[in-house]
């Protein structure tokens, strides 16, 4: 049996090779692509990313990837967003103005508070932080992870889903408790980088592989 295929969306702003290595380690055939047609052929899609929301959305629209991602999600195909990829799934972002997102999950993207004082957390958040259970992790890439697991974050903004029932995990940074992972039907996303989060991050990729293998058995 061939490995499940995963299209890793390349729009010039992602940690693509680490994601591909994590896929390979977990038995997934991860292929980096900038072609919208490849999304329809893959078993699942990963939308990674770092950088500015507005620039990312402009590129996704210009290349046709935005429409292809919406079509893939509407078809029921698993779509995974990582870091900026999570934020791009939302309705809009307030980063450097107001920018329309993919609209796959209703809600917005806002800045972490600018903390004052030498003892306060710095923005962006860069480093390890805990994720805490908010929803049911069974049947998601978070299945089997402990409550309070440490994951690796690099971000200055966070998402605010309109429907709180889609939130799977939350994380506290300074005086902000934010959504660090969500699921809405076939769309799963996280603010942290599982490919940079050690064994427990890799377990998320293995959970995705297990789900895809069972689906195509």
N, C-alpha and C. Protein backbone atom coordinates (compact mmCIF):
# COMPACT_ATOMS: atom_id res chain seq x y z
N UNK A 1 0.84 -1.18 0.00
CA UNK A 1 0.00 0.00 0.00
C UNK A 1 0.89 1.25 0.00
N UNK A 2 0.56 2.20 -0.85
CA UNK A 2 1.34 3.43 -0.91
C UNK A 2 1.03 4.31 0.28
N UNK A 3 1.99 5.16 0.63
CA UNK A 3 1.81 6.07 1.76
C UNK A 3 0.77 7.14 1.40
N UNK A 4 -0.02 7.58 2.35
CA UNK A 4 -0.96 8.69 2.08
C UNK A 4 -0.20 9.92 1.62
N UNK A 5 -0.74 10.59 0.63
CA UNK A 5 -0.06 11.77 0.07
C UNK A 5 -0.56 13.05 0.74
N UNK A 6 0.38 13.92 1.04
CA UNK A 6 0.05 15.20 1.69
C UNK A 6 0.65 16.33 0.85
N UNK A 7 -0.17 17.25 0.42
CA UNK A 7 0.31 18.43 -0.30
C UNK A 7 0.68 19.49 0.72
N UNK A 8 1.94 19.91 0.72
CA UNK A 8 2.44 20.95 1.62
C UNK A 8 2.48 22.24 0.81
N UNK A 9 1.62 23.17 1.14
CA UNK A 9 1.41 24.36 0.32
C UNK A 9 2.61 25.31 0.44
N UNK A 10 3.21 25.61 -0.70
CA UNK A 10 4.35 26.52 -0.77
C UNK A 10 3.89 27.85 -1.35
N UNK A 11 3.85 28.88 -0.47
CA UNK A 11 3.57 30.23 -0.96
C UNK A 11 4.70 31.17 -0.58
N UNK A 12 5.89 30.57 -0.38
CA UNK A 12 7.09 31.36 -0.15
C UNK A 12 7.28 31.83 1.27
N UNK A 13 6.50 31.31 2.23
CA UNK A 13 6.56 31.84 3.59
C UNK A 13 6.39 30.73 4.62
N UNK A 14 7.01 29.57 4.40
CA UNK A 14 6.77 28.47 5.32
C UNK A 14 8.01 27.68 5.68
N UNK A 15 7.91 26.94 6.77
CA UNK A 15 8.97 26.05 7.23
C UNK A 15 8.78 24.70 6.54
N UNK A 16 8.91 24.71 5.21
CA UNK A 16 8.43 23.61 4.39
C UNK A 16 9.19 22.32 4.59
N UNK A 17 10.51 22.40 4.67
CA UNK A 17 11.31 21.18 4.69
C UNK A 17 11.22 20.46 6.02
N UNK A 18 11.07 21.21 7.11
CA UNK A 18 10.85 20.57 8.41
C UNK A 18 9.51 19.84 8.42
N UNK A 19 8.51 20.44 7.79
CA UNK A 19 7.20 19.79 7.70
C UNK A 19 7.31 18.52 6.86
N UNK A 20 8.00 18.61 5.75
CA UNK A 20 8.16 17.42 4.90
C UNK A 20 8.90 16.31 5.63
N UNK A 21 9.94 16.65 6.38
CA UNK A 21 10.68 15.64 7.13
C UNK A 21 9.80 14.99 8.19
N UNK A 22 8.97 15.80 8.85
CA UNK A 22 8.06 15.25 9.86
C UNK A 22 7.06 14.29 9.21
N UNK A 23 6.59 14.64 8.02
CA UNK A 23 5.68 13.75 7.29
C UNK A 23 6.37 12.43 6.97
N UNK A 24 7.59 12.50 6.44
CA UNK A 24 8.32 11.29 6.08
C UNK A 24 8.56 10.41 7.30
N UNK A 25 8.90 11.01 8.42
CA UNK A 25 9.14 10.28 9.67
C UNK A 25 7.88 9.54 10.12
N UNK A 26 6.72 10.05 9.74
CA UNK A 26 5.44 9.51 10.21
C UNK A 26 4.75 8.63 9.18
N UNK A 27 5.42 8.34 8.07
CA UNK A 27 4.84 7.47 7.06
C UNK A 27 3.93 8.17 6.07
N UNK A 28 4.09 9.48 5.95
CA UNK A 28 3.31 10.27 4.99
C UNK A 28 4.19 10.69 3.83
N UNK A 29 3.61 10.71 2.65
CA UNK A 29 4.33 11.16 1.45
C UNK A 29 4.07 12.65 1.27
N UNK A 30 4.86 13.47 1.97
CA UNK A 30 4.69 14.91 1.91
C UNK A 30 5.36 15.51 0.69
N UNK A 31 4.62 16.26 -0.09
CA UNK A 31 5.16 16.87 -1.31
C UNK A 31 4.90 18.36 -1.30
N UNK A 32 5.98 19.12 -1.37
CA UNK A 32 5.87 20.58 -1.40
C UNK A 32 5.39 21.01 -2.78
N UNK A 33 4.36 21.87 -2.81
CA UNK A 33 3.80 22.26 -4.09
C UNK A 33 3.30 23.70 -4.08
N UNK A 34 3.40 24.33 -5.23
CA UNK A 34 2.81 25.65 -5.44
C UNK A 34 1.75 25.59 -6.52
N UNK A 35 1.32 24.38 -6.87
CA UNK A 35 0.32 24.18 -7.92
C UNK A 35 -1.05 23.89 -7.32
N UNK A 36 -2.05 24.71 -7.61
CA UNK A 36 -3.39 24.46 -7.06
C UNK A 36 -3.95 23.10 -7.44
N UNK A 37 -3.62 22.59 -8.63
CA UNK A 37 -4.18 21.31 -9.06
C UNK A 37 -3.70 20.15 -8.19
N UNK A 38 -2.53 20.30 -7.57
CA UNK A 38 -2.01 19.22 -6.72
C UNK A 38 -2.86 19.03 -5.47
N UNK A 39 -3.57 20.06 -5.04
CA UNK A 39 -4.36 19.95 -3.82
C UNK A 39 -5.51 18.98 -4.01
N UNK A 40 -6.06 18.93 -5.21
CA UNK A 40 -7.16 18.01 -5.48
C UNK A 40 -6.72 16.57 -5.55
N UNK A 41 -5.44 16.32 -5.81
CA UNK A 41 -4.93 14.96 -5.95
C UNK A 41 -4.44 14.37 -4.64
N UNK A 42 -4.13 15.21 -3.67
CA UNK A 42 -3.57 14.75 -2.41
C UNK A 42 -4.64 14.20 -1.48
N UNK A 43 -4.21 13.34 -0.55
CA UNK A 43 -5.13 12.81 0.45
C UNK A 43 -5.40 13.81 1.56
N UNK A 44 -4.45 14.70 1.80
CA UNK A 44 -4.60 15.73 2.82
C UNK A 44 -3.72 16.92 2.43
N UNK A 45 -3.97 18.05 3.09
CA UNK A 45 -3.24 19.29 2.78
C UNK A 45 -2.72 19.89 4.07
N UNK A 46 -1.47 20.33 4.04
CA UNK A 46 -0.91 21.08 5.16
C UNK A 46 -0.58 22.48 4.66
N UNK A 47 -1.09 23.48 5.37
CA UNK A 47 -0.83 24.88 5.07
C UNK A 47 0.05 25.44 6.19
N UNK A 48 1.37 25.43 6.01
CA UNK A 48 2.26 26.00 7.02
C UNK A 48 2.48 27.47 6.72
N UNK A 49 3.31 28.12 7.51
CA UNK A 49 3.62 29.51 7.17
C UNK A 49 4.17 30.31 8.32
N UNK A 50 5.02 31.25 7.99
CA UNK A 50 5.50 32.27 8.91
C UNK A 50 5.53 33.58 8.12
N UNK A 51 5.34 34.70 8.81
CA UNK A 51 5.40 35.98 8.11
C UNK A 51 4.10 36.75 8.21
N UNK A 52 3.92 37.69 7.29
CA UNK A 52 2.81 38.64 7.33
C UNK A 52 1.56 38.07 6.66
N UNK A 53 0.44 38.21 7.33
CA UNK A 53 -0.84 37.70 6.85
C UNK A 53 -1.21 38.28 5.49
N UNK A 54 -1.14 39.61 5.36
CA UNK A 54 -1.57 40.25 4.12
C UNK A 54 -0.77 39.79 2.91
N UNK A 55 0.54 39.68 3.06
CA UNK A 55 1.39 39.21 1.96
C UNK A 55 1.05 37.77 1.60
N UNK A 56 0.83 36.94 2.62
CA UNK A 56 0.51 35.54 2.38
C UNK A 56 -0.81 35.40 1.62
N UNK A 57 -1.84 36.14 2.03
CA UNK A 57 -3.13 36.04 1.35
C UNK A 57 -3.03 36.55 -0.08
N UNK A 58 -2.25 37.59 -0.31
CA UNK A 58 -2.09 38.11 -1.66
C UNK A 58 -1.50 37.04 -2.57
N UNK A 59 -0.50 36.33 -2.07
CA UNK A 59 0.12 35.27 -2.87
C UNK A 59 -0.83 34.12 -3.10
N UNK A 60 -1.57 33.71 -2.08
CA UNK A 60 -2.53 32.62 -2.24
C UNK A 60 -3.60 32.97 -3.27
N UNK A 61 -4.07 34.20 -3.26
CA UNK A 61 -5.06 34.61 -4.25
C UNK A 61 -4.47 34.64 -5.66
N UNK A 62 -3.28 35.23 -5.80
CA UNK A 62 -2.68 35.39 -7.12
C UNK A 62 -2.35 34.05 -7.78
N UNK A 63 -1.97 33.07 -6.98
CA UNK A 63 -1.58 31.76 -7.52
C UNK A 63 -2.76 30.81 -7.69
N UNK A 64 -3.94 31.19 -7.22
CA UNK A 64 -5.10 30.31 -7.28
C UNK A 64 -5.19 29.34 -6.12
N UNK A 65 -4.21 29.41 -5.21
CA UNK A 65 -4.22 28.50 -4.07
C UNK A 65 -5.38 28.77 -3.11
N UNK A 66 -5.79 30.02 -2.99
CA UNK A 66 -6.88 30.34 -2.07
C UNK A 66 -8.15 29.60 -2.47
N UNK A 67 -8.51 29.68 -3.73
CA UNK A 67 -9.72 28.99 -4.20
C UNK A 67 -9.56 27.48 -4.09
N UNK A 68 -8.36 26.98 -4.37
CA UNK A 68 -8.12 25.53 -4.29
C UNK A 68 -8.23 25.04 -2.86
N UNK A 69 -7.76 25.82 -1.90
CA UNK A 69 -7.87 25.44 -0.49
C UNK A 69 -9.33 25.43 -0.05
N UNK A 70 -10.09 26.43 -0.48
CA UNK A 70 -11.51 26.46 -0.12
C UNK A 70 -12.24 25.26 -0.72
N UNK A 71 -11.92 24.91 -1.96
CA UNK A 71 -12.57 23.77 -2.61
C UNK A 71 -12.20 22.47 -1.92
N UNK A 72 -10.94 22.33 -1.53
CA UNK A 72 -10.50 21.11 -0.85
C UNK A 72 -11.21 20.96 0.49
N UNK A 73 -11.30 22.03 1.23
CA UNK A 73 -11.98 21.98 2.53
C UNK A 73 -13.46 21.64 2.34
N UNK A 74 -14.10 22.24 1.33
CA UNK A 74 -15.52 21.98 1.07
C UNK A 74 -15.76 20.53 0.67
N UNK A 75 -14.77 19.88 0.07
CA UNK A 75 -14.91 18.50 -0.37
C UNK A 75 -14.80 17.50 0.78
N UNK A 76 -14.38 17.97 1.94
CA UNK A 76 -14.22 17.09 3.09
C UNK A 76 -12.81 16.57 3.29
N UNK A 77 -11.89 17.01 2.43
CA UNK A 77 -10.50 16.57 2.56
C UNK A 77 -9.86 17.17 3.81
N UNK A 78 -9.04 16.40 4.55
CA UNK A 78 -8.37 16.97 5.72
C UNK A 78 -7.46 18.14 5.35
N UNK A 79 -7.63 19.26 6.02
CA UNK A 79 -6.80 20.45 5.84
C UNK A 79 -6.20 20.81 7.19
N UNK A 80 -4.88 20.95 7.24
CA UNK A 80 -4.17 21.25 8.47
C UNK A 80 -3.44 22.58 8.32
N UNK A 81 -3.68 23.50 9.24
CA UNK A 81 -2.99 24.79 9.24
C UNK A 81 -2.01 24.85 10.40
N UNK A 82 -0.82 25.40 10.15
CA UNK A 82 0.22 25.51 11.17
C UNK A 82 0.70 26.95 11.25
N UNK A 83 0.68 27.52 12.45
CA UNK A 83 1.17 28.87 12.74
C UNK A 83 0.43 29.90 11.86
N UNK A 84 1.12 30.56 10.95
CA UNK A 84 0.43 31.49 10.05
C UNK A 84 -0.66 30.76 9.27
N UNK A 85 -0.43 29.48 8.99
CA UNK A 85 -1.45 28.69 8.29
C UNK A 85 -2.76 28.64 9.04
N UNK A 86 -2.70 28.55 10.38
CA UNK A 86 -3.92 28.64 11.19
C UNK A 86 -4.58 29.99 11.00
N UNK A 87 -3.82 31.05 11.09
CA UNK A 87 -4.38 32.40 11.00
C UNK A 87 -5.02 32.65 9.64
N UNK A 88 -4.43 32.10 8.59
CA UNK A 88 -4.97 32.30 7.24
C UNK A 88 -6.34 31.65 7.06
N UNK A 89 -6.65 30.66 7.88
CA UNK A 89 -7.95 29.99 7.77
C UNK A 89 -9.10 30.86 8.25
N UNK A 90 -8.79 31.90 9.02
CA UNK A 90 -9.82 32.71 9.65
C UNK A 90 -10.46 33.71 8.68
N UNK A 91 -11.49 34.40 9.15
CA UNK A 91 -12.22 35.35 8.30
C UNK A 91 -11.37 36.57 7.96
N UNK A 92 -10.64 37.08 8.97
CA UNK A 92 -9.84 38.27 8.74
C UNK A 92 -8.74 38.40 9.78
N UNK A 93 -7.73 39.22 9.44
CA UNK A 93 -6.64 39.54 10.37
C UNK A 93 -6.51 41.04 10.50
N UNK A 94 -6.14 41.47 11.70
CA UNK A 94 -5.91 42.89 11.95
C UNK A 94 -4.41 43.22 11.99
N UNK A 95 -3.60 42.38 11.37
CA UNK A 95 -2.16 42.61 11.32
C UNK A 95 -1.84 43.65 10.24
N UNK A 96 -1.28 44.78 10.64
CA UNK A 96 -0.94 45.86 9.71
C UNK A 96 -2.14 46.26 8.87
N UNK A 97 -3.27 46.52 9.52
CA UNK A 97 -4.50 46.87 8.81
C UNK A 97 -5.51 45.74 8.92
N UNK A 98 -6.45 45.72 8.01
CA UNK A 98 -7.49 44.68 8.01
C UNK A 98 -7.40 43.91 6.70
N UNK A 99 -7.25 42.59 6.80
CA UNK A 99 -7.07 41.75 5.61
C UNK A 99 -8.04 40.57 5.66
N UNK A 100 -8.67 40.29 4.55
CA UNK A 100 -9.57 39.15 4.44
C UNK A 100 -8.78 37.86 4.39
N UNK A 101 -9.25 36.84 5.15
CA UNK A 101 -8.62 35.53 5.13
C UNK A 101 -9.36 34.54 4.26
N UNK A 102 -9.03 33.27 4.40
CA UNK A 102 -9.69 32.23 3.61
C UNK A 102 -11.14 32.02 4.02
N UNK A 103 -11.48 32.35 5.25
CA UNK A 103 -12.86 32.24 5.70
C UNK A 103 -13.33 30.82 5.95
N UNK A 104 -12.41 29.90 6.18
CA UNK A 104 -12.82 28.52 6.47
C UNK A 104 -13.29 28.37 7.91
N UNK A 105 -12.81 29.24 8.78
CA UNK A 105 -13.25 29.26 10.18
C UNK A 105 -13.62 30.71 10.51
N UNK A 106 -14.83 30.93 10.99
CA UNK A 106 -15.25 32.29 11.31
C UNK A 106 -14.50 32.80 12.55
N UNK A 107 -14.00 34.02 12.44
CA UNK A 107 -13.27 34.63 13.54
C UNK A 107 -12.17 35.51 13.00
N UNK A 108 -11.40 36.12 13.92
CA UNK A 108 -10.37 37.06 13.49
C UNK A 108 -9.02 36.74 14.12
N UNK A 109 -8.03 37.50 13.71
CA UNK A 109 -6.65 37.36 14.19
C UNK A 109 -6.23 38.70 14.76
N UNK A 110 -5.77 38.70 16.00
CA UNK A 110 -5.42 39.95 16.69
C UNK A 110 -4.06 39.81 17.35
N UNK A 111 -3.50 40.97 17.75
CA UNK A 111 -2.18 40.98 18.36
C UNK A 111 -2.21 40.51 19.81
N UNK A 112 -1.15 39.81 20.21
CA UNK A 112 -0.89 39.63 21.63
C UNK A 112 -0.68 41.00 22.26
N UNK A 113 -1.05 41.15 23.52
CA UNK A 113 -0.84 42.43 24.20
C UNK A 113 0.64 42.79 24.20
N UNK A 114 0.90 44.08 24.09
CA UNK A 114 2.26 44.57 24.23
C UNK A 114 2.54 44.75 25.71
N UNK A 115 3.32 43.85 26.27
CA UNK A 115 3.52 43.86 27.71
C UNK A 115 4.55 44.91 28.11
N UNK A 116 4.38 45.48 29.28
CA UNK A 116 5.30 46.48 29.80
C UNK A 116 5.99 45.93 31.04
N UNK A 117 7.24 46.35 31.24
CA UNK A 117 7.96 45.93 32.44
C UNK A 117 8.95 44.83 32.16
N UNK A 118 10.05 44.84 32.88
CA UNK A 118 11.14 43.91 32.62
C UNK A 118 10.77 42.47 32.96
N UNK A 119 9.77 42.28 33.85
CA UNK A 119 9.39 40.93 34.23
C UNK A 119 8.27 40.37 33.37
N UNK A 120 7.75 41.15 32.44
CA UNK A 120 6.62 40.73 31.62
C UNK A 120 7.10 39.97 30.39
N UNK A 121 6.27 39.08 29.86
CA UNK A 121 6.64 38.36 28.64
C UNK A 121 6.84 39.31 27.46
N UNK A 122 7.72 38.92 26.59
CA UNK A 122 8.00 39.73 25.40
C UNK A 122 7.14 39.26 24.23
N UNK A 123 6.88 40.16 23.33
CA UNK A 123 6.17 39.85 22.10
C UNK A 123 7.12 40.12 20.94
N UNK A 124 7.31 39.14 20.03
CA UNK A 124 6.56 37.88 19.89
C UNK A 124 6.89 36.86 20.97
N UNK A 125 5.97 35.91 21.13
CA UNK A 125 6.26 34.74 21.96
C UNK A 125 7.14 33.81 21.13
N UNK A 126 8.31 33.50 21.64
CA UNK A 126 9.22 32.58 20.96
C UNK A 126 9.69 31.57 21.99
N UNK A 127 9.32 30.32 21.81
CA UNK A 127 9.76 29.28 22.73
C UNK A 127 8.66 28.32 23.10
N UNK A 128 8.91 27.56 24.18
CA UNK A 128 8.02 26.48 24.60
C UNK A 128 6.93 27.00 25.53
N UNK A 129 5.74 26.48 25.32
CA UNK A 129 4.61 26.81 26.19
C UNK A 129 3.65 25.63 26.20
N UNK A 130 2.79 25.60 27.20
CA UNK A 130 1.88 24.47 27.35
C UNK A 130 0.59 24.64 26.54
N UNK A 131 0.07 23.53 26.08
CA UNK A 131 -1.28 23.52 25.52
C UNK A 131 -2.18 22.77 26.50
N UNK A 132 -3.37 23.33 26.74
CA UNK A 132 -4.29 22.75 27.72
C UNK A 132 -5.60 22.38 27.04
N UNK A 133 -6.11 21.25 27.42
CA UNK A 133 -7.31 20.69 26.79
C UNK A 133 -8.51 21.62 26.97
N UNK A 134 -9.18 21.90 25.85
CA UNK A 134 -10.41 22.68 25.89
C UNK A 134 -11.56 21.88 25.30
N UNK A 135 -11.27 21.13 24.24
CA UNK A 135 -12.27 20.28 23.60
C UNK A 135 -11.84 18.82 23.65
N UNK A 136 -12.53 17.98 22.91
CA UNK A 136 -12.27 16.54 22.87
C UNK A 136 -11.13 16.27 21.88
N UNK A 137 -10.04 15.72 22.36
CA UNK A 137 -8.89 15.46 21.50
C UNK A 137 -8.96 14.13 20.77
N UNK A 138 -9.88 13.26 21.15
CA UNK A 138 -9.99 11.96 20.49
C UNK A 138 -10.33 12.15 19.02
N UNK A 139 -9.64 11.40 18.18
CA UNK A 139 -9.90 11.49 16.75
C UNK A 139 -9.28 12.69 16.08
N UNK A 140 -8.43 13.42 16.80
CA UNK A 140 -7.73 14.58 16.23
C UNK A 140 -6.23 14.32 16.30
N UNK A 141 -5.42 15.14 15.64
CA UNK A 141 -3.97 14.96 15.78
C UNK A 141 -3.45 15.10 17.20
N UNK A 142 -4.24 15.67 18.11
CA UNK A 142 -3.82 15.81 19.50
C UNK A 142 -4.11 14.57 20.33
N UNK A 143 -4.74 13.57 19.76
CA UNK A 143 -5.12 12.39 20.53
C UNK A 143 -3.90 11.74 21.19
N UNK A 144 -4.03 11.41 22.47
CA UNK A 144 -2.96 10.74 23.19
C UNK A 144 -1.93 11.67 23.80
N UNK A 145 -1.97 12.95 23.48
CA UNK A 145 -1.04 13.89 24.09
C UNK A 145 -1.54 14.24 25.49
N UNK A 146 -0.62 14.49 26.43
CA UNK A 146 -1.05 14.83 27.79
C UNK A 146 -1.56 16.26 27.88
N UNK A 147 -2.51 16.47 28.75
CA UNK A 147 -2.93 17.83 29.08
C UNK A 147 -1.73 18.59 29.62
N UNK A 148 -1.47 19.77 29.07
CA UNK A 148 -0.32 20.55 29.50
C UNK A 148 0.96 20.23 28.75
N UNK A 149 0.86 19.51 27.63
CA UNK A 149 2.05 19.21 26.83
C UNK A 149 2.72 20.50 26.36
N UNK A 150 4.04 20.48 26.29
CA UNK A 150 4.79 21.64 25.81
C UNK A 150 4.92 21.58 24.28
N UNK A 151 4.66 22.71 23.63
CA UNK A 151 4.84 22.86 22.20
C UNK A 151 5.64 24.13 21.92
N UNK A 152 6.18 24.22 20.72
CA UNK A 152 7.06 25.34 20.37
C UNK A 152 6.29 26.40 19.57
N UNK A 153 6.33 27.63 20.07
CA UNK A 153 5.59 28.74 19.47
C UNK A 153 6.54 29.82 18.94
N UNK A 154 6.13 30.45 17.85
CA UNK A 154 6.76 31.68 17.34
C UNK A 154 5.65 32.52 16.73
N UNK A 155 5.17 33.55 17.47
CA UNK A 155 4.05 34.33 16.92
C UNK A 155 3.85 35.61 17.72
N UNK A 156 3.23 36.58 17.04
CA UNK A 156 2.86 37.86 17.67
C UNK A 156 1.36 38.06 17.70
N UNK A 157 0.62 37.21 17.01
CA UNK A 157 -0.83 37.33 16.92
C UNK A 157 -1.47 35.99 17.28
N UNK A 158 -2.77 36.01 17.54
CA UNK A 158 -3.49 34.78 17.84
C UNK A 158 -4.90 34.87 17.27
N UNK A 159 -5.55 33.71 17.16
CA UNK A 159 -6.88 33.65 16.55
C UNK A 159 -7.96 33.69 17.62
N UNK A 160 -9.12 34.26 17.23
CA UNK A 160 -10.30 34.28 18.09
C UNK A 160 -11.48 33.70 17.31
N UNK A 161 -11.68 32.38 17.37
CA UNK A 161 -12.82 31.79 16.66
C UNK A 161 -14.14 32.32 17.20
N UNK A 162 -15.07 32.55 16.31
CA UNK A 162 -16.39 33.05 16.73
C UNK A 162 -17.15 31.99 17.51
N UNK A 163 -16.99 30.72 17.11
CA UNK A 163 -17.66 29.62 17.78
C UNK A 163 -16.68 28.97 18.76
N UNK A 164 -16.87 29.12 20.06
CA UNK A 164 -15.92 28.57 21.03
C UNK A 164 -15.86 27.04 21.01
N UNK A 165 -16.86 26.40 20.44
CA UNK A 165 -16.88 24.93 20.45
C UNK A 165 -15.82 24.34 19.52
N UNK A 166 -15.24 25.12 18.62
CA UNK A 166 -14.21 24.59 17.73
C UNK A 166 -12.83 24.57 18.40
N UNK A 167 -12.69 25.22 19.54
CA UNK A 167 -11.38 25.30 20.21
C UNK A 167 -11.04 23.96 20.85
N UNK A 168 -9.86 23.42 20.51
CA UNK A 168 -9.38 22.17 21.09
C UNK A 168 -8.43 22.39 22.25
N UNK A 169 -7.57 23.43 22.12
CA UNK A 169 -6.57 23.68 23.14
C UNK A 169 -6.38 25.17 23.31
N UNK A 170 -6.03 25.55 24.53
CA UNK A 170 -5.70 26.94 24.82
C UNK A 170 -4.31 27.01 25.44
N UNK A 171 -3.72 28.20 25.37
CA UNK A 171 -2.40 28.45 25.93
C UNK A 171 -2.41 29.82 26.57
N UNK A 172 -1.73 29.96 27.70
CA UNK A 172 -1.64 31.26 28.37
C UNK A 172 -0.26 31.85 28.15
N UNK A 173 -0.23 33.13 27.76
CA UNK A 173 1.01 33.88 27.63
C UNK A 173 0.79 35.25 28.23
N UNK A 174 1.48 35.54 29.31
CA UNK A 174 1.21 36.78 30.02
C UNK A 174 -0.21 36.77 30.56
N UNK A 175 -0.96 37.81 30.25
CA UNK A 175 -2.35 37.88 30.72
C UNK A 175 -3.35 37.47 29.64
N UNK A 176 -2.88 36.80 28.60
CA UNK A 176 -3.75 36.38 27.50
C UNK A 176 -3.84 34.85 27.48
N UNK A 177 -5.06 34.34 27.48
CA UNK A 177 -5.29 32.92 27.22
C UNK A 177 -5.93 32.81 25.85
N UNK A 178 -5.24 32.16 24.95
CA UNK A 178 -5.68 32.17 23.55
C UNK A 178 -5.87 30.76 23.02
N UNK A 179 -6.60 30.69 21.92
CA UNK A 179 -6.81 29.42 21.21
C UNK A 179 -5.50 29.01 20.53
N UNK A 180 -4.95 27.88 20.94
CA UNK A 180 -3.71 27.40 20.32
C UNK A 180 -3.94 26.22 19.39
N UNK A 181 -5.16 25.70 19.35
CA UNK A 181 -5.51 24.66 18.39
C UNK A 181 -7.02 24.60 18.24
N UNK A 182 -7.47 24.27 17.03
CA UNK A 182 -8.91 24.19 16.79
C UNK A 182 -9.21 23.10 15.77
N UNK A 183 -10.46 22.68 15.77
CA UNK A 183 -10.95 21.77 14.74
C UNK A 183 -12.37 22.15 14.37
N UNK A 184 -12.62 22.23 13.08
CA UNK A 184 -13.97 22.44 12.57
C UNK A 184 -14.17 21.45 11.42
N UNK A 185 -14.94 20.41 11.71
CA UNK A 185 -15.15 19.31 10.76
C UNK A 185 -13.80 18.77 10.28
N UNK A 186 -13.47 18.89 9.01
CA UNK A 186 -12.24 18.31 8.46
C UNK A 186 -11.05 19.26 8.52
N UNK A 187 -11.22 20.42 9.13
CA UNK A 187 -10.14 21.41 9.24
C UNK A 187 -9.57 21.38 10.66
N UNK A 188 -8.28 21.13 10.76
CA UNK A 188 -7.56 21.16 12.04
C UNK A 188 -6.42 22.16 11.90
N UNK A 189 -6.14 22.90 12.97
CA UNK A 189 -5.04 23.86 12.90
C UNK A 189 -4.49 24.15 14.28
N UNK A 190 -3.24 24.60 14.31
CA UNK A 190 -2.57 24.91 15.57
C UNK A 190 -1.66 26.11 15.39
N UNK A 191 -1.51 26.90 16.46
CA UNK A 191 -0.65 28.07 16.42
C UNK A 191 0.82 27.68 16.59
N UNK A 192 1.09 26.60 17.26
CA UNK A 192 2.46 26.15 17.48
C UNK A 192 2.97 25.34 16.29
N UNK A 193 4.26 24.99 16.35
CA UNK A 193 4.90 24.22 15.29
C UNK A 193 5.12 22.78 15.76
N UNK A 194 4.26 21.84 15.40
CA UNK A 194 4.47 20.46 15.84
C UNK A 194 5.76 19.87 15.30
N UNK A 195 6.18 20.28 14.09
CA UNK A 195 7.41 19.74 13.50
C UNK A 195 8.66 20.19 14.25
N UNK A 196 8.51 21.17 15.15
CA UNK A 196 9.62 21.66 15.95
C UNK A 196 9.40 21.39 17.44
N UNK A 197 8.46 20.52 17.75
CA UNK A 197 8.04 20.30 19.14
C UNK A 197 8.40 18.92 19.67
N UNK A 198 9.45 18.32 19.13
CA UNK A 198 9.95 17.07 19.68
C UNK A 198 9.01 15.89 19.48
N UNK A 199 9.15 14.85 20.31
CA UNK A 199 8.37 13.62 20.13
C UNK A 199 6.86 13.83 20.16
N UNK A 200 6.39 14.72 21.01
CA UNK A 200 4.94 14.90 21.09
C UNK A 200 4.40 15.64 19.86
N UNK A 201 5.21 16.53 19.29
CA UNK A 201 4.81 17.16 18.04
C UNK A 201 4.78 16.15 16.91
N UNK A 202 5.77 15.27 16.86
CA UNK A 202 5.80 14.24 15.81
C UNK A 202 4.63 13.26 15.98
N UNK A 203 4.20 13.08 17.21
CA UNK A 203 3.04 12.20 17.44
C UNK A 203 1.80 12.74 16.73
N UNK A 204 1.70 14.05 16.61
CA UNK A 204 0.57 14.63 15.90
C UNK A 204 0.59 14.22 14.42
N UNK A 205 1.77 14.21 13.82
CA UNK A 205 1.88 13.76 12.43
C UNK A 205 1.55 12.27 12.31
N UNK A 206 1.97 11.49 13.28
CA UNK A 206 1.66 10.06 13.25
C UNK A 206 0.16 9.83 13.41
N UNK A 207 -0.49 10.64 14.23
CA UNK A 207 -1.95 10.53 14.36
C UNK A 207 -2.63 10.85 13.03
N UNK A 208 -2.13 11.87 12.33
CA UNK A 208 -2.69 12.20 11.02
C UNK A 208 -2.49 11.04 10.05
N UNK A 209 -1.30 10.44 10.08
CA UNK A 209 -1.02 9.30 9.19
C UNK A 209 -1.95 8.13 9.50
N UNK A 210 -2.17 7.85 10.78
CA UNK A 210 -3.04 6.76 11.18
C UNK A 210 -4.46 6.95 10.65
N UNK A 211 -4.94 8.20 10.77
CA UNK A 211 -6.28 8.52 10.29
C UNK A 211 -6.38 8.34 8.78
N UNK A 212 -5.39 8.83 8.05
CA UNK A 212 -5.43 8.74 6.60
C UNK A 212 -5.30 7.30 6.11
N UNK A 213 -4.45 6.53 6.78
CA UNK A 213 -4.29 5.12 6.38
C UNK A 213 -5.59 4.36 6.61
N UNK A 214 -6.26 4.62 7.74
CA UNK A 214 -7.53 3.95 8.01
C UNK A 214 -8.59 4.34 7.00
N UNK A 215 -8.58 5.61 6.59
CA UNK A 215 -9.57 6.09 5.63
C UNK A 215 -9.41 5.44 4.27
N UNK A 216 -8.15 5.15 3.90
CA UNK A 216 -7.89 4.62 2.56
C UNK A 216 -7.58 3.13 2.55
N UNK A 217 -7.85 2.48 3.65
CA UNK A 217 -7.60 1.03 3.72
C UNK A 217 -8.58 0.27 2.83
